[in-house]
Amino acid sequence: MKKTELIIILLISIIIIGVRVYKIDADPPQGLSISSDVYTDPPNLTLHAKQKINNDGHSSIDESKYTLFINSSITMLAQTIFSISNVSLASSNVVGLIFSLGALFYFFS
């Protein structure tokens, strides 16, 4: 690779990283790719547990569309953690932390 090509690639990369750091809270538009971007967002995974805790067991979300998420182990663990502590982003992140550490111990022990 030529020196000028390397400089151009580095400049473009620095600009892209700079814009991303400046707008760190910006999400890509929904439907930008065929990935499951919105459905794998951690607050979305614990949303159903939050709805059930806050609404005394009733969810205001269409359960037939999201039955995979409502009847998942993440929702069961999130309901348990939300009932022990309060419903917050920190306790929502604890659910992901427990699953991540569990996977580490399971696969690397």
N, C-alpha and C. Protein backbone atom coordinates (compact mmCIF):
# COMPACT_ATOMS: atom_id res chain seq x y z
N MET A 1 0.84 -1.17 0.00
CA MET A 1 0.00 0.00 0.00
C MET A 1 0.89 1.24 0.00
N LYS A 2 0.50 2.20 -0.78
CA LYS A 2 1.28 3.43 -0.87
C LYS A 2 1.08 4.29 0.37
N LYS A 3 2.01 5.18 0.57
CA LYS A 3 1.97 6.04 1.73
C LYS A 3 0.75 6.96 1.69
N THR A 4 0.39 7.48 0.52
CA THR A 4 -0.77 8.37 0.42
C THR A 4 -2.07 7.63 0.69
N GLU A 5 -2.16 6.37 0.24
CA GLU A 5 -3.37 5.59 0.52
C GLU A 5 -3.52 5.35 2.02
N LEU A 6 -2.42 5.07 2.68
CA LEU A 6 -2.45 4.84 4.12
C LEU A 6 -2.86 6.10 4.86
N ILE A 7 -2.35 7.25 4.42
CA ILE A 7 -2.72 8.52 5.06
C ILE A 7 -4.20 8.81 4.85
N ILE A 8 -4.72 8.58 3.66
CA ILE A 8 -6.14 8.82 3.38
C ILE A 8 -7.01 7.91 4.24
N ILE A 9 -6.66 6.64 4.34
CA ILE A 9 -7.44 5.70 5.16
C ILE A 9 -7.41 6.11 6.63
N LEU A 10 -6.25 6.52 7.12
CA LEU A 10 -6.15 6.97 8.51
C LEU A 10 -6.97 8.23 8.75
N LEU A 11 -6.93 9.19 7.82
CA LEU A 11 -7.73 10.41 7.98
C LEU A 11 -9.22 10.12 7.99
N ILE A 12 -9.67 9.27 7.08
CA ILE A 12 -11.09 8.91 7.05
C ILE A 12 -11.48 8.20 8.34
N SER A 13 -10.64 7.31 8.82
CA SER A 13 -10.92 6.59 10.07
C SER A 13 -10.99 7.55 11.26
N ILE A 14 -10.07 8.50 11.30
CA ILE A 14 -10.07 9.48 12.40
C ILE A 14 -11.32 10.34 12.35
N ILE A 15 -11.76 10.74 11.17
CA ILE A 15 -12.98 11.54 11.04
C ILE A 15 -14.20 10.73 11.49
N ILE A 16 -14.28 9.49 11.06
CA ILE A 16 -15.41 8.65 11.44
C ILE A 16 -15.44 8.42 12.94
N ILE A 17 -14.30 8.11 13.52
CA ILE A 17 -14.23 7.89 14.98
C ILE A 17 -14.54 9.18 15.72
N GLY A 18 -14.05 10.32 15.22
CA GLY A 18 -14.33 11.60 15.86
C GLY A 18 -15.81 11.94 15.86
N VAL A 19 -16.48 11.73 14.74
CA VAL A 19 -17.93 11.98 14.66
C VAL A 19 -18.68 11.03 15.58
N ARG A 20 -18.27 9.78 15.62
CA ARG A 20 -18.96 8.80 16.47
C ARG A 20 -18.78 9.13 17.95
N VAL A 21 -17.59 9.56 18.34
CA VAL A 21 -17.37 9.92 19.74
C VAL A 21 -18.14 11.19 20.08
N TYR A 22 -18.21 12.13 19.15
CA TYR A 22 -18.96 13.36 19.38
C TYR A 22 -20.45 13.08 19.54
N LYS A 23 -20.98 12.16 18.76
CA LYS A 23 -22.39 11.77 18.84
C LYS A 23 -22.50 10.34 19.37
N ILE A 24 -21.94 10.09 20.54
CA ILE A 24 -21.86 8.74 21.08
C ILE A 24 -23.25 8.17 21.42
N ASP A 25 -24.22 9.02 21.69
CA ASP A 25 -25.54 8.53 22.06
C ASP A 25 -26.45 8.31 20.86
N ALA A 26 -25.97 8.58 19.67
CA ALA A 26 -26.79 8.43 18.47
C ALA A 26 -26.86 6.96 18.05
N ASP A 27 -28.05 6.47 17.83
CA ASP A 27 -28.25 5.12 17.34
C ASP A 27 -28.45 5.16 15.83
N PRO A 28 -28.08 4.10 15.14
CA PRO A 28 -28.36 4.07 13.71
C PRO A 28 -29.87 4.00 13.47
N PRO A 29 -30.33 4.44 12.32
CA PRO A 29 -31.77 4.39 12.04
C PRO A 29 -32.27 2.95 12.02
N GLN A 30 -33.49 2.77 12.52
CA GLN A 30 -34.07 1.44 12.54
C GLN A 30 -34.27 0.95 11.11
N GLY A 31 -33.93 -0.30 10.88
CA GLY A 31 -34.07 -0.87 9.56
C GLY A 31 -32.89 -0.57 8.64
N LEU A 32 -31.80 -0.05 9.19
CA LEU A 32 -30.64 0.26 8.37
C LEU A 32 -30.02 -1.01 7.80
N SER A 33 -30.05 -2.07 8.59
CA SER A 33 -29.52 -3.34 8.12
C SER A 33 -30.54 -4.43 8.41
N ILE A 34 -30.20 -5.66 8.05
CA ILE A 34 -31.13 -6.75 8.32
C ILE A 34 -30.84 -7.41 9.66
N SER A 35 -30.00 -6.78 10.48
CA SER A 35 -29.70 -7.34 11.79
C SER A 35 -30.87 -7.11 12.73
N SER A 36 -30.78 -7.68 13.88
CA SER A 36 -31.82 -7.51 14.89
C SER A 36 -31.38 -6.47 15.91
N ASP A 37 -31.03 -5.27 15.42
CA ASP A 37 -30.43 -4.25 16.26
C ASP A 37 -31.32 -3.82 17.42
N VAL A 38 -32.57 -3.52 17.18
CA VAL A 38 -33.45 -3.04 18.24
C VAL A 38 -33.82 -4.18 19.19
N TYR A 39 -33.96 -5.37 18.67
CA TYR A 39 -34.41 -6.49 19.50
C TYR A 39 -33.32 -7.02 20.42
N THR A 40 -32.07 -6.66 20.20
CA THR A 40 -31.00 -7.12 21.08
C THR A 40 -30.48 -6.01 21.97
N ASP A 41 -31.16 -4.90 22.03
CA ASP A 41 -30.79 -3.80 22.90
C ASP A 41 -31.11 -4.19 24.35
N PRO A 42 -30.17 -4.10 25.30
CA PRO A 42 -30.41 -4.58 26.66
C PRO A 42 -31.66 -4.00 27.34
N PRO A 43 -31.94 -2.69 27.27
CA PRO A 43 -33.18 -2.23 27.90
C PRO A 43 -34.44 -2.82 27.25
N ASN A 44 -34.37 -3.15 25.97
CA ASN A 44 -35.52 -3.77 25.32
C ASN A 44 -35.73 -5.19 25.82
N LEU A 45 -34.64 -5.90 26.12
CA LEU A 45 -34.78 -7.27 26.59
C LEU A 45 -35.41 -7.33 27.97
N THR A 46 -35.20 -6.31 28.79
CA THR A 46 -35.79 -6.31 30.13
C THR A 46 -37.04 -5.44 30.21
N LEU A 47 -37.51 -4.93 29.08
CA LEU A 47 -38.69 -4.06 29.07
C LEU A 47 -39.94 -4.78 29.57
N HIS A 48 -40.11 -6.02 29.17
CA HIS A 48 -41.31 -6.76 29.57
C HIS A 48 -41.33 -7.02 31.07
N ALA A 49 -40.17 -7.32 31.64
CA ALA A 49 -40.09 -7.50 33.09
C ALA A 49 -40.38 -6.19 33.81
N LYS A 50 -39.88 -5.09 33.26
CA LYS A 50 -40.15 -3.78 33.86
C LYS A 50 -41.64 -3.45 33.81
N GLN A 51 -42.28 -3.75 32.67
CA GLN A 51 -43.72 -3.50 32.54
C GLN A 51 -44.51 -4.31 33.55
N LYS A 52 -44.13 -5.57 33.74
CA LYS A 52 -44.87 -6.42 34.68
C LYS A 52 -44.67 -5.99 36.12
N ILE A 53 -43.47 -5.56 36.48
CA ILE A 53 -43.22 -5.10 37.84
C ILE A 53 -43.94 -3.78 38.09
N ASN A 54 -43.85 -2.85 37.16
CA ASN A 54 -44.47 -1.54 37.35
C ASN A 54 -45.99 -1.57 37.27
N ASN A 55 -46.57 -2.51 36.52
CA ASN A 55 -48.02 -2.56 36.33
C ASN A 55 -48.68 -3.73 37.07
N ASP A 56 -48.07 -4.21 38.11
CA ASP A 56 -48.60 -5.29 38.95
C ASP A 56 -48.96 -6.53 38.15
N GLY A 57 -48.06 -6.97 37.31
CA GLY A 57 -48.24 -8.23 36.60
C GLY A 57 -48.89 -8.12 35.24
N HIS A 58 -49.29 -6.93 34.85
CA HIS A 58 -49.93 -6.75 33.55
C HIS A 58 -48.99 -6.00 32.61
N SER A 59 -48.85 -6.50 31.41
CA SER A 59 -48.01 -5.85 30.42
C SER A 59 -48.88 -5.16 29.38
N SER A 60 -48.52 -3.96 29.02
CA SER A 60 -49.30 -3.21 28.03
C SER A 60 -48.80 -3.45 26.61
N ILE A 61 -47.92 -4.41 26.45
CA ILE A 61 -47.32 -4.68 25.15
C ILE A 61 -48.03 -5.88 24.53
N ASP A 62 -48.16 -5.85 23.21
CA ASP A 62 -48.78 -6.96 22.48
C ASP A 62 -47.98 -8.23 22.72
N GLU A 63 -48.53 -9.14 23.52
CA GLU A 63 -47.77 -10.32 23.92
C GLU A 63 -47.62 -11.35 22.81
N SER A 64 -48.51 -11.36 21.84
CA SER A 64 -48.38 -12.36 20.78
C SER A 64 -47.19 -12.06 19.87
N LYS A 65 -46.86 -10.80 19.71
CA LYS A 65 -45.74 -10.44 18.84
C LYS A 65 -44.39 -10.69 19.51
N TYR A 66 -44.33 -10.50 20.81
CA TYR A 66 -43.06 -10.59 21.53
C TYR A 66 -43.02 -11.77 22.50
N THR A 67 -43.69 -12.85 22.18
CA THR A 67 -43.75 -13.97 23.11
C THR A 67 -42.38 -14.60 23.36
N LEU A 68 -41.49 -14.51 22.39
CA LEU A 68 -40.13 -15.04 22.58
C LEU A 68 -39.40 -14.27 23.66
N PHE A 69 -39.59 -12.97 23.73
CA PHE A 69 -38.91 -12.16 24.73
C PHE A 69 -39.61 -12.23 26.08
N ILE A 70 -40.92 -12.36 26.09
CA ILE A 70 -41.66 -12.40 27.35
C ILE A 70 -41.39 -13.70 28.10
N ASN A 71 -41.26 -14.79 27.39
CA ASN A 71 -41.04 -16.09 28.02
C ASN A 71 -39.59 -16.52 27.95
N SER A 72 -38.67 -15.60 28.15
CA SER A 72 -37.25 -15.93 28.07
C SER A 72 -36.63 -15.95 29.46
N SER A 73 -35.44 -16.52 29.52
CA SER A 73 -34.74 -16.56 30.81
C SER A 73 -34.29 -15.17 31.23
N ILE A 74 -34.05 -14.29 30.27
CA ILE A 74 -33.66 -12.92 30.61
C ILE A 74 -34.80 -12.21 31.33
N THR A 75 -36.03 -12.39 30.85
CA THR A 75 -37.17 -11.76 31.49
C THR A 75 -37.40 -12.32 32.89
N MET A 76 -37.24 -13.63 33.05
CA MET A 76 -37.41 -14.22 34.39
C MET A 76 -36.37 -13.70 35.36
N LEU A 77 -35.12 -13.63 34.93
CA LEU A 77 -34.06 -13.11 35.81
C LEU A 77 -34.28 -11.63 36.09
N ALA A 78 -34.69 -10.88 35.07
CA ALA A 78 -34.94 -9.44 35.25
C ALA A 78 -36.08 -9.20 36.23
N GLN A 79 -37.14 -10.00 36.15
CA GLN A 79 -38.24 -9.84 37.10
C GLN A 79 -37.77 -10.11 38.52
N THR A 80 -36.93 -11.11 38.68
CA THR A 80 -36.41 -11.41 40.01
C THR A 80 -35.55 -10.27 40.53
N ILE A 81 -34.66 -9.75 39.70
CA ILE A 81 -33.80 -8.65 40.13
C ILE A 81 -34.60 -7.38 40.36
N PHE A 82 -35.57 -7.09 39.50
CA PHE A 82 -36.39 -5.89 39.66
C PHE A 82 -37.26 -5.98 40.92
N SER A 83 -37.70 -7.18 41.29
CA SER A 83 -38.50 -7.30 42.50
C SER A 83 -37.65 -7.20 43.76
N ILE A 84 -36.37 -7.59 43.67
CA ILE A 84 -35.47 -7.45 44.82
C ILE A 84 -35.01 -6.01 44.97
N SER A 85 -34.59 -5.42 43.87
CA SER A 85 -34.15 -4.02 43.90
C SER A 85 -35.18 -3.19 43.14
N ASN A 86 -34.82 -1.99 42.80
CA ASN A 86 -35.75 -1.15 42.05
C ASN A 86 -35.56 -1.35 40.55
N VAL A 87 -36.48 -0.81 39.78
CA VAL A 87 -36.39 -0.88 38.32
C VAL A 87 -35.58 0.32 37.85
N SER A 88 -34.40 0.04 37.32
CA SER A 88 -33.53 1.11 36.85
C SER A 88 -32.62 0.57 35.75
N LEU A 89 -31.92 1.46 35.11
CA LEU A 89 -30.97 1.05 34.08
C LEU A 89 -29.83 0.25 34.69
N ALA A 90 -29.43 0.61 35.91
CA ALA A 90 -28.35 -0.13 36.57
C ALA A 90 -28.76 -1.57 36.85
N SER A 91 -29.98 -1.76 37.36
CA SER A 91 -30.42 -3.14 37.63
C SER A 91 -30.69 -3.89 36.32
N SER A 92 -31.03 -3.17 35.27
CA SER A 92 -31.17 -3.80 33.96
C SER A 92 -29.82 -4.27 33.44
N ASN A 93 -28.79 -3.50 33.69
CA ASN A 93 -27.45 -3.89 33.28
C ASN A 93 -26.91 -5.04 34.12
N VAL A 94 -27.39 -5.19 35.35
CA VAL A 94 -26.97 -6.31 36.19
C VAL A 94 -27.42 -7.63 35.57
N VAL A 95 -28.57 -7.64 34.94
CA VAL A 95 -29.05 -8.85 34.28
C VAL A 95 -28.08 -9.29 33.19
N GLY A 96 -27.66 -8.35 32.36
CA GLY A 96 -26.68 -8.67 31.33
C GLY A 96 -25.34 -9.08 31.90
N LEU A 97 -24.96 -8.46 33.00
CA LEU A 97 -23.70 -8.81 33.65
C LEU A 97 -23.74 -10.24 34.19
N ILE A 98 -24.84 -10.62 34.80
CA ILE A 98 -24.98 -11.99 35.33
C ILE A 98 -24.92 -13.01 34.20
N PHE A 99 -25.61 -12.74 33.10
CA PHE A 99 -25.57 -13.68 31.98
C PHE A 99 -24.18 -13.74 31.35
N SER A 100 -23.50 -12.60 31.24
CA SER A 100 -22.16 -12.59 30.66
C SER A 100 -21.17 -13.35 31.53
N LEU A 101 -21.21 -13.09 32.84
CA LEU A 101 -20.32 -13.81 33.74
C LEU A 101 -20.66 -15.30 33.79
N GLY A 102 -21.94 -15.61 33.73
CA GLY A 102 -22.34 -17.02 33.69
C GLY A 102 -21.81 -17.73 32.46
N ALA A 103 -21.86 -17.05 31.33
CA ALA A 103 -21.31 -17.65 30.09
C ALA A 103 -19.81 -17.83 30.19
N LEU A 104 -19.12 -16.86 30.78
CA LEU A 104 -17.67 -17.00 30.96
C LEU A 104 -17.33 -18.19 31.85
N PHE A 105 -18.03 -18.32 32.96
CA PHE A 105 -17.75 -19.44 33.86
C PHE A 105 -18.14 -20.77 33.24
N TYR A 106 -19.21 -20.77 32.47
CA TYR A 106 -19.67 -22.02 31.86
C TYR A 106 -18.72 -22.50 30.76
N PHE A 107 -18.31 -21.58 29.91
CA PHE A 107 -17.49 -21.99 28.77
C PHE A 107 -15.99 -22.09 29.06
N PHE A 108 -15.54 -21.38 30.08
CA PHE A 108 -14.10 -21.36 30.34
C PHE A 108 -13.71 -22.00 31.66
N SER A 109 -14.57 -22.81 32.21
CA SER A 109 -14.18 -23.50 33.45
C SER A 109 -13.99 -24.97 33.23
